[in-house]
Protein backbone atom coordinates (compact mmCIF):
# COMPACT_ATOMS: atom_id res chain seq x y z
CA MET A 1 76.77 121.42 179.66
CA PRO A 2 75.07 123.04 176.66
CA ARG A 3 74.86 120.93 173.49
CA ARG A 4 77.23 122.09 170.76
CA SER A 5 74.84 121.56 167.87
CA GLY A 6 77.17 123.21 165.36
CA VAL A 7 79.89 120.61 165.92
CA HIS A 8 77.44 117.73 165.77
CA ASP A 9 75.85 119.12 162.60
CA SER A 10 79.26 119.46 160.98
CA ASP A 11 80.18 115.88 161.89
CA ARG A 12 76.87 114.61 160.54
CA LEU A 13 77.31 116.48 157.25
CA ALA A 14 80.81 115.05 156.89
CA GLN A 15 79.46 111.56 157.51
CA ILE A 16 76.71 112.03 154.92
CA GLU A 17 79.22 113.30 152.36
CA ALA A 18 81.52 110.31 153.03
CA GLU A 19 78.60 107.90 152.62
CA ARG A 20 77.59 109.64 149.39
CA LEU A 21 81.09 109.23 147.95
CA VAL A 22 81.17 105.54 148.93
CA TRP A 23 77.79 105.00 147.27
CA HIS A 24 78.93 106.76 144.10
CA GLN A 25 82.09 104.66 143.97
CA GLY A 26 80.09 101.46 144.41
CA GLN A 27 77.70 102.46 141.62
CA GLN A 28 80.63 103.26 139.34
CA GLU A 29 82.23 99.86 139.99
CA LEU A 30 78.92 98.11 139.29
CA LEU A 31 78.53 100.13 136.09
CA ASP A 32 82.05 99.19 134.98
CA ARG A 33 81.33 95.47 135.50
CA MET A 34 78.05 95.65 133.61
CA TRP A 35 79.74 97.58 130.79
CA ARG A 36 82.40 94.90 130.37
CA GLN A 37 79.80 92.14 130.39
CA VAL A 38 77.58 93.80 127.80
CA ARG A 39 80.28 94.85 125.35
CA THR A 40 82.64 91.86 125.54
CA ASP A 41 82.39 88.34 124.16
CA PRO A 42 83.33 86.13 127.14
CA LEU A 43 85.12 83.42 125.13
CA THR A 44 87.45 85.57 123.00
CA GLY A 45 87.61 88.81 124.98
CA LEU A 46 86.74 90.74 121.81
CA PRO A 47 83.96 93.33 121.59
CA SER A 48 80.53 91.80 121.01
CA ARG A 49 78.60 92.26 117.78
CA ARG A 50 76.64 95.18 119.20
CA SER A 51 79.80 96.91 120.38
CA PHE A 52 81.63 96.31 117.08
CA VAL A 53 78.72 97.55 114.96
CA ALA A 54 78.42 100.66 117.11
CA GLY A 55 82.15 101.32 116.79
CA LEU A 56 82.05 100.77 113.02
CA ASP A 57 79.15 103.21 112.73
CA VAL A 58 81.12 105.79 114.68
CA HIS A 59 84.17 105.24 112.45
CA LEU A 60 82.08 105.72 109.31
CA GLY A 61 80.39 108.82 110.70
CA ALA A 62 76.95 107.29 110.19
CA GLY A 63 74.08 109.54 111.17
CA THR A 64 76.14 112.72 110.99
CA LEU A 65 74.06 115.89 110.98
CA ALA A 66 73.22 117.73 107.79
CA GLY A 67 73.59 114.58 105.71
CA SER A 68 74.50 114.60 102.05
CA ASP A 69 73.77 112.36 99.10
CA LEU A 70 77.50 112.30 98.39
CA PRO A 71 79.22 109.03 99.33
CA PRO A 72 81.31 109.18 102.51
CA ASP A 73 85.06 109.28 102.29
CA PRO A 74 86.99 106.02 102.09
CA ALA A 75 87.37 104.81 105.64
CA GLY A 76 90.08 102.20 106.07
CA ALA A 77 89.29 98.56 105.39
CA LEU A 78 86.93 95.91 106.74
CA LEU A 79 87.88 92.24 106.93
CA LEU A 80 85.55 89.36 107.76
CA LEU A 81 86.84 86.04 109.04
CA ARG A 82 84.73 82.89 109.19
CA VAL A 83 85.52 79.58 110.87
CA ARG A 84 83.74 77.17 108.52
CA GLY A 85 82.91 73.71 109.81
CA LEU A 86 82.67 74.75 113.46
CA ASP A 87 79.63 72.52 114.13
CA ARG A 88 81.41 69.56 112.55
CA LEU A 89 84.46 70.23 114.70
CA ASN A 90 82.35 70.35 117.86
CA ARG A 91 80.71 67.02 117.01
CA ARG A 92 83.97 65.23 116.16
CA ALA A 93 86.37 66.66 118.70
CA GLY A 94 84.14 68.13 121.37
CA ARG A 95 83.08 71.63 122.33
CA GLU A 96 86.45 72.35 123.92
CA ALA A 97 88.20 71.97 120.58
CA GLY A 98 85.83 74.41 118.91
CA ASP A 99 86.20 76.89 121.74
CA GLY A 100 89.98 76.57 121.53
CA LEU A 101 89.98 77.43 117.84
CA LEU A 102 87.67 80.40 118.39
CA ALA A 103 89.91 81.61 121.22
CA ALA A 104 92.93 81.39 118.90
CA VAL A 105 91.14 83.46 116.27
CA GLY A 106 90.15 85.96 118.94
CA GLY A 107 93.74 86.23 120.15
CA ALA A 108 95.03 86.90 116.63
CA LEU A 109 92.46 89.63 116.04
CA ARG A 110 92.92 91.11 119.49
CA SER A 111 96.57 91.80 118.71
CA TYR A 112 95.41 94.29 116.06
CA HIS A 113 92.65 95.65 118.29
CA ASP A 114 95.10 96.30 121.14
CA ARG A 115 98.19 97.46 119.24
CA VAL A 116 96.98 99.37 116.18
CA PRO A 117 95.49 102.79 117.00
CA GLY A 118 92.01 103.03 115.51
CA ALA A 119 91.71 99.32 114.75
CA LEU A 120 88.59 97.52 115.99
CA ALA A 121 87.96 93.78 116.14
CA GLY A 122 84.85 91.92 117.20
CA ARG A 123 83.10 88.56 117.29
CA LEU A 124 79.91 88.91 115.28
CA ALA A 125 78.31 85.52 115.93
CA GLY A 126 79.41 81.89 116.22
CA GLY A 127 82.48 81.53 114.00
CA ASP A 128 82.15 84.96 112.35
CA PHE A 129 84.62 87.74 113.23
CA ALA A 130 85.37 91.21 111.88
CA LEU A 131 88.40 93.49 111.85
CA LEU A 132 88.29 97.19 111.01
CA LEU A 133 91.59 98.70 109.87
CA PRO A 134 91.82 102.50 110.15
CA VAL A 135 94.02 102.91 107.06
CA ALA A 136 93.26 101.76 103.52
CA GLY A 137 95.79 99.81 101.47
CA LEU A 138 96.74 97.23 104.10
CA ALA A 139 93.78 94.89 103.87
CA GLU A 140 95.22 92.21 101.60
CA GLU A 141 98.52 92.11 103.46
CA THR A 142 96.70 91.87 106.80
CA ALA A 143 94.32 89.18 105.52
CA GLY A 144 97.26 87.14 104.25
CA ALA A 145 99.10 87.47 107.56
CA LEU A 146 96.02 86.41 109.53
CA HIS A 147 95.38 83.50 107.19
CA ASP A 148 98.93 82.20 107.57
CA ALA A 149 98.98 82.74 111.33
CA LEU A 150 95.76 80.79 111.90
CA GLN A 151 96.52 77.79 109.67
CA PRO A 152 98.35 75.85 112.43
CA ALA A 153 95.36 76.22 114.76
CA ALA A 154 92.95 75.11 112.02
CA LYS A 155 95.08 72.08 111.14
CA ALA A 156 95.47 71.11 114.78
CA SER A 157 91.70 71.02 115.28
CA TYR A 158 91.37 67.64 113.48
CA GLY A 159 87.79 68.50 112.69
CA GLY A 160 88.05 69.78 109.17
CA ALA A 161 87.55 73.43 110.16
CA GLU A 162 88.56 76.06 107.62
CA ILE A 163 89.57 79.67 108.06
CA LEU A 164 88.03 81.93 105.40
CA LEU A 165 88.99 85.58 104.96
CA ALA A 166 87.68 88.33 102.71
CA GLY A 167 86.93 92.01 102.89
CA VAL A 168 86.76 95.45 101.38
CA ASP A 169 89.67 97.86 101.10
CA ALA A 170 89.20 101.64 100.84
CA LEU A 171 85.83 101.10 102.50
CA ARG A 172 83.11 103.42 101.29
CA ALA A 173 79.78 102.91 103.06
CA PRO A 174 77.21 105.16 104.79
CA ASP A 175 76.88 102.96 107.88
CA ALA A 176 77.87 99.68 109.47
CA SER A 177 75.10 97.58 107.91
CA HIS A 178 76.14 98.56 104.38
CA ALA A 179 79.83 98.05 105.14
CA LEU A 180 79.21 94.57 106.57
CA ALA A 181 77.03 93.70 103.58
CA GLN A 182 79.86 94.64 101.18
CA ALA A 183 82.38 92.55 103.05
CA ASP A 184 79.95 89.65 103.45
CA GLU A 185 79.37 89.62 99.69
CA MET A 186 83.08 89.04 99.17
CA LEU A 187 83.19 86.38 101.88
CA ALA A 188 80.29 84.54 100.25
CA GLN A 189 82.21 84.44 96.96
CA VAL A 190 85.29 83.09 98.70
CA GLU A 191 83.16 80.48 100.51
CA ALA A 192 81.58 79.42 97.22
CA GLY A 193 85.03 78.85 95.74
CA ALA A 194 84.94 81.65 93.17
CA PHE A 195 88.40 82.82 94.28
CA ASN A 196 89.68 79.46 95.43
CA PRO A 197 92.55 78.04 93.37
CA ALA A 198 93.99 74.68 94.41
CA VAL A 199 93.75 74.40 98.19
CA ARG A 200 96.36 71.63 98.12
CA GLY A 201 94.91 69.91 101.18
CA GLU A 202 95.37 72.91 103.43
CA SER A 203 92.66 74.25 105.68
CA GLY A 204 91.31 77.55 104.58
CA VAL A 205 91.04 79.57 101.42
CA PRO A 206 93.55 82.20 100.32
CA PRO A 207 92.01 85.59 101.04
CA ARG A 208 90.79 87.93 98.35
CA VAL A 209 90.19 91.58 99.11
CA ARG A 210 88.18 93.95 96.93
CA ALA A 211 89.63 97.45 96.60
CA ALA A 212 87.24 100.34 95.97
CA PRO A 213 88.66 103.40 94.20
CA ALA A 214 89.54 106.17 96.64
CA GLU A 215 89.01 109.79 95.67
CA LYS A 216 92.04 111.91 96.48
CA VAL A 217 91.11 115.34 97.83
CA ASP A 218 93.51 117.65 99.60
CA ALA A 219 92.06 118.62 102.98
CA GLY A 220 93.90 121.93 103.18
CA GLU A 221 92.77 122.98 99.72
CA LEU A 222 89.17 122.08 100.52
CA TRP A 223 89.22 124.24 103.64
CA ARG A 224 90.94 127.15 101.88
CA MET A 225 88.32 127.07 99.12
CA ALA A 226 85.51 127.17 101.66
CA CYS A 227 87.14 130.05 103.53
CA SER A 228 87.84 132.15 100.45
CA PRO A 229 85.69 135.22 99.78
CA ALA A 230 83.58 133.10 97.43
CA GLY A 231 83.25 130.20 99.89
CA GLU A 232 80.79 129.91 102.75
CA LEU A 233 80.50 128.21 106.08
CA ASP A 234 77.08 127.53 107.54
CA LEU A 235 75.40 125.56 110.32
CA GLY A 236 73.07 122.60 109.85
CA PHE A 237 70.61 121.80 112.63
CA ALA A 238 68.70 118.86 114.09
CA PRO A 239 65.95 119.21 116.73
CA VAL A 240 66.43 118.20 120.36
CA VAL A 241 63.26 117.41 122.30
CA ASP A 242 62.39 116.79 125.94
CA VAL A 243 60.37 113.91 127.40
CA GLY A 244 57.15 115.58 126.27
CA GLY A 245 58.32 115.90 122.69
CA HIS A 246 58.80 119.68 122.94
CA ALA A 247 61.71 121.29 121.11
CA VAL A 248 64.17 122.59 123.68
CA ALA A 249 67.43 122.91 121.73
CA ARG A 250 69.16 122.25 118.41
CA LEU A 251 72.16 120.10 117.69
CA CYS A 252 74.36 121.90 115.18
CA ALA A 253 77.06 120.87 112.73
CA LEU A 254 79.22 122.83 110.33
CA ARG A 255 78.57 122.72 106.58
CA LEU A 256 80.79 124.22 103.92
CA ARG A 257 80.78 124.90 100.19
CA SER A 258 83.36 126.38 97.90
CA ALA A 259 81.08 128.85 96.09
CA PRO A 260 77.62 130.42 96.52
CA GLY A 261 74.95 128.25 94.99
CA GLY A 262 77.13 125.16 95.12
CA ALA A 263 76.32 121.99 96.99
CA TRP A 264 76.70 122.05 100.75
CA LEU A 265 79.15 119.43 101.94
CA ALA A 266 78.03 117.61 105.05
CA PRO A 267 80.58 116.94 107.83
CA ARG A 268 80.89 113.28 106.93
CA CYS A 269 82.17 114.32 103.47
CA TRP A 270 84.93 116.66 104.59
CA ARG A 271 85.56 116.16 108.31
CA PRO A 272 87.74 113.03 107.91
CA ARG A 273 90.03 114.96 105.56
CA LEU A 274 90.62 117.79 108.03
CA GLY A 275 91.75 115.68 110.96
CA PRO A 276 94.95 114.29 109.41
CA ALA A 277 95.74 117.76 108.02
CA GLY A 278 95.52 119.34 111.50
CA LEU A 279 92.59 121.55 110.48
CA LEU A 280 89.84 120.00 112.60
CA ALA A 281 90.29 122.40 115.53
CA GLN A 282 89.99 125.34 113.12
CA ALA A 283 86.73 123.93 111.75
CA GLU A 284 85.32 123.35 115.22
CA LEU A 285 86.32 126.84 116.33
CA ALA A 286 84.38 128.16 113.34
CA THR A 287 81.39 126.12 114.54
CA VAL A 288 81.58 127.72 118.00
CA VAL A 289 81.87 131.21 116.49
CA LEU A 290 78.82 130.66 114.30
CA ALA A 291 76.84 129.18 117.18
CA LEU A 292 77.61 132.18 119.41
CA ALA A 293 76.58 134.55 116.62
CA SER A 294 73.33 132.62 116.14
CA ALA A 295 72.45 132.03 119.80
CA GLU A 296 70.30 135.17 120.21
CA THR A 297 67.85 134.07 117.51
CA ALA A 298 68.43 130.31 117.46
CA GLY A 299 67.89 129.52 121.14
CA ARG A 300 69.88 126.81 122.92
CA LEU A 301 72.46 125.12 120.70
CA ILE A 302 74.52 121.98 121.25
CA VAL A 303 77.96 122.04 119.61
CA PRO A 304 79.74 118.66 119.23
CA LEU A 305 83.51 118.86 119.75
CA SER A 306 86.16 116.24 119.11
CA ALA A 307 88.46 114.95 121.82
CA THR A 308 91.43 116.13 119.75
CA SER A 309 90.27 119.74 119.87
CA ALA A 310 89.30 119.56 123.55
CA VAL A 311 92.87 118.69 124.58
CA ASP A 312 94.38 121.42 122.37
CA THR A 313 95.32 124.22 124.77
CA ASP A 314 95.19 126.87 122.03
CA PHE A 315 91.70 125.72 121.03
CA VAL A 316 90.50 125.73 124.65
CA ALA A 317 91.86 129.24 125.17
CA SER A 318 90.31 130.54 121.92
CA VAL A 319 86.88 129.14 122.83
CA THR A 320 87.16 130.52 126.37
CA ARG A 321 87.93 134.03 125.10
CA ARG A 322 84.86 134.00 122.87
CA LEU A 323 82.59 132.68 125.63
CA VAL A 324 83.80 135.36 128.04
CA ALA A 325 83.29 138.08 125.41
CA MET A 326 79.65 136.98 124.79
CA PRO A 327 78.26 135.85 128.16
CA LEU A 328 74.58 135.87 127.16
CA ALA A 329 75.27 133.79 124.06
CA ALA A 330 77.60 131.51 126.02
CA ALA A 331 74.76 130.71 128.42
CA SER A 332 72.81 129.30 125.46
CA LEU A 333 75.57 126.91 124.37
CA THR A 334 76.20 123.31 125.32
CA LEU A 335 79.69 122.12 124.33
CA ASP A 336 79.55 118.34 123.78
CA ILE A 337 83.00 116.76 124.19
CA GLU A 338 83.57 113.31 122.72
CA ALA A 339 84.83 110.84 125.33
CA VAL A 340 87.45 109.01 123.25
CA PRO A 341 91.26 109.15 123.22
CA PRO A 342 93.20 111.38 123.51
CA LEU A 343 90.73 112.85 126.03
CA THR A 344 91.58 112.06 129.66
CA ALA A 345 90.04 113.17 132.94
CA VAL A 346 92.77 115.80 133.27
CA GLY A 347 92.25 117.03 129.71
CA LEU A 348 88.49 117.16 130.17
CA ARG A 349 88.87 119.16 133.37
CA ALA A 350 91.21 121.65 131.69
CA ALA A 351 88.54 122.44 129.09
CA ALA A 352 85.35 121.98 131.11
CA LEU A 353 86.22 124.19 134.07
CA PRO A 354 86.96 127.43 132.14
CA TRP A 355 84.06 126.87 129.72
CA ALA A 356 81.62 126.25 132.55
CA ALA A 357 82.95 129.29 134.41
CA ALA A 358 82.26 131.37 131.30
CA GLY A 359 78.60 130.30 131.38
CA ALA A 360 78.44 127.42 128.88
CA THR A 361 77.09 123.97 129.68
CA VAL A 362 79.69 121.24 129.22
CA SER A 363 78.55 117.76 128.21
CA LEU A 364 80.47 114.48 127.92
CA LEU A 365 79.53 112.37 124.87
CA LEU A 366 79.81 108.58 125.18
CA ARG A 367 80.12 106.82 121.83
CA GLY A 368 81.13 103.38 122.99
CA GLY A 369 84.89 103.50 122.54
CA THR A 370 85.68 104.15 126.19
CA TRP A 371 83.88 104.06 129.51
CA PRO A 372 85.11 106.92 131.74
CA CYS A 373 84.83 107.02 135.50
CA LEU A 374 81.85 109.35 135.86
CA GLN A 375 82.17 109.61 139.61
CA ALA A 376 85.71 110.99 139.24
CA LEU A 377 84.40 113.72 136.91
CA ALA A 378 81.91 115.12 139.41
CA ASP A 379 82.38 118.83 140.15
CA GLN A 380 84.87 119.15 137.28
CA GLY A 381 82.76 121.42 135.08
CA VAL A 382 80.70 118.69 133.39
CA SER A 383 76.95 118.89 134.03
CA GLN A 384 75.47 116.71 131.28
CA LEU A 385 76.02 113.25 129.83
CA ALA A 386 75.17 112.56 126.18
CA VAL A 387 75.00 108.95 124.97
CA ASP A 388 75.17 107.95 121.31
CA ALA A 389 72.31 105.51 120.80
CA ARG A 390 74.38 103.46 118.35
CA PHE A 391 76.42 102.46 121.38
CA LEU A 392 73.15 101.29 123.02
CA ARG A 393 71.74 99.67 119.87
CA GLN A 394 69.02 97.14 120.62
CA ALA A 395 69.61 97.61 124.34
CA GLY A 396 65.86 97.61 124.96
CA ALA A 397 65.66 93.98 123.79
CA ASP A 398 68.58 92.76 125.86
CA ALA A 399 68.18 92.46 129.63
CA GLY A 400 71.87 93.00 130.41
CA ALA A 401 72.22 96.04 128.16
CA LEU A 402 68.95 97.51 129.42
CA ALA A 403 70.17 97.14 133.01
CA LEU A 404 73.37 98.94 131.99
CA VAL A 405 71.36 101.89 130.66
CA TRP A 406 69.35 102.13 133.87
CA GLN A 407 72.50 101.95 135.98
CA LEU A 408 74.15 104.64 133.88
CA ALA A 409 71.11 106.90 134.24
CA LEU A 410 70.98 106.28 137.99
CA LEU A 411 74.61 107.30 138.50
CA ALA A 412 74.31 110.35 136.22
CA LYS A 413 71.22 111.54 138.09
CA ALA A 414 72.92 110.99 141.43
CA LEU A 415 75.73 113.25 140.21
CA GLY A 416 73.17 115.89 139.25
CA TRP A 417 73.84 115.57 135.51
CA GLY A 418 71.34 115.92 132.68
CA LEU A 419 70.98 113.00 130.25
CA HIS A 420 70.75 113.33 126.45
CA ALA A 421 70.27 110.40 124.04
CA ARG A 422 71.70 111.12 120.58
CA GLU A 423 71.20 109.46 117.18
CA ILE A 424 67.89 107.79 118.05
CA THR A 425 66.77 106.02 114.88
CA ASP A 426 63.95 103.83 116.23
CA PRO A 427 60.91 105.69 117.70
CA ALA A 428 60.31 102.69 119.98
CA ASP A 429 63.57 103.50 121.79
CA LEU A 430 62.19 106.84 122.95
CA ALA A 431 59.72 105.20 125.37
CA TRP A 432 62.16 103.08 127.36
CA LEU A 433 64.86 105.76 127.33
CA ARG A 434 62.34 108.15 128.89
CA GLU A 435 61.61 105.54 131.54
CA ALA A 436 65.33 105.12 132.18
CA GLY A 437 65.56 108.82 133.05
CA PHE A 438 66.91 110.49 129.90
CA ASP A 439 65.87 114.15 129.67
CA THR A 440 66.40 115.06 126.01
CA PHE A 441 66.61 113.24 122.69
CA SER A 442 67.84 113.83 119.15
CA GLY A 443 68.25 111.81 115.97
CA GLN A 444 66.33 110.62 112.95
CA ALA A 445 63.43 109.28 115.03
CA VAL A 446 63.01 112.69 116.64
CA ALA A 447 63.33 114.60 113.37
CA THR A 448 60.74 112.45 111.58
CA SER A 449 58.23 111.92 114.38
CA GLY A 450 57.27 115.58 114.66
CA VAL A 451 57.58 118.00 117.56
CA ALA A 452 54.69 118.69 119.92
CA GLU A 453 55.56 122.30 120.54
CA ALA A 454 58.17 124.47 118.80
CA ARG A 455 59.79 126.65 121.44
CA GLN A 456 62.71 127.65 119.28
CA LYS A 457 62.68 130.88 117.29
CA PRO A 458 63.33 130.84 113.52
CA MET A 459 66.94 130.94 112.48
CA ALA A 460 68.28 134.25 111.21
CA TYR A 461 71.95 134.53 110.40
CA GLN A 462 74.28 135.12 107.50
CA PRO A 463 76.69 132.51 106.11
CA MET A 464 80.21 132.95 107.40
CA SER A 465 82.81 133.92 104.82
CA ALA A 466 86.51 134.73 105.02
CA GLN A 467 86.18 137.83 107.22
CA TRP A 468 84.35 135.75 109.85
CA MET A 469 87.05 133.18 110.13
CA PRO A 470 88.24 132.64 113.73
CA LYS A 471 91.81 133.59 114.42
């Protein structure tokens, strides 16, 4: 009987495909376990210091393109909590007593982390904890509630431990290190007794929270001024280089000013105001329009997009129409979608598939807030993974975090995705990220280290005024 090679070949291909899917699933499960280990403090279940600092940086918009000397907008509140006398407690009552008190503190903070949208809690080190509140004006009330809730646990420790709380309301800082320094200054004053009236034999010190003045600016008015005939919208750029240090693309961000000759406002100065006013999608659509208009002379451009815009069906349809109308320009665009809520796998697919079909490259940006199932996103329009380096801060010096990076790169490469590391601030990180398999890089370290070969053409475009505004 003649051999039916076609049937056997088909069976073998099906077997190979099944084995490939099983391997991908196993790699994803391993990656998920490593992610939880690296980002989570095992005793309290809170994010680790690295994870909290990365999340705080993201919240503050640190490292945003086209930076400005203007101070960033007030961004919620930051509370620090310290268990003072932890070593004494461990000596007197045993390690279990100290761990029990730390677990109680972690549980109290985790209730905010889990229930309040935008809140972030973390264990910084030893008995030091932090809580980021997304809204200003609630810091003192929250600190008082935490202080009262934790007093029974402190008193029950029988080791003389104290719960100290302090922080900064209406937080105004360029990055996480400055924000933590402000809050730590207040905590040091509380610890020194500067704000400590009679303790009356109770454990702990009544919290004191410093409030910074918040500038009130109407988001809608700011956007209308920029979009008036006298106002201008423009793009700021940062270089993107490959493993050889050659410029291969530009990461772009929208700038605006209310009048010609005025100061350009960087995204970190106005972007937070647009979100609550429902104007962020309009701003990001303007960014896409400008990028398409500039693509012929600017070369490949990467356009960051928020998760909120990516799940807006009107926004997705508007971007799709413009990509279809300009196919050559669309082929030069990478649309970088932020992987944070409210983005889901279904929402990502709804945006990525039509944009990829129109010729654009679709990238998923990991910033540390969530860890999506990459294997489930295969063949859904996404062809690149971008990782914010703040999420991987100091990973090169930590064996577990470094292994996580390698595992992430391995799975992304197995899926056929490109890898882009964003917001690289330390030139030393470039070497090990190259070894891990990342293809392209951007950030302060790239911008200041020089580019081996400029492959991009000079920019040539006109600022966008009212008649350019996307409809």
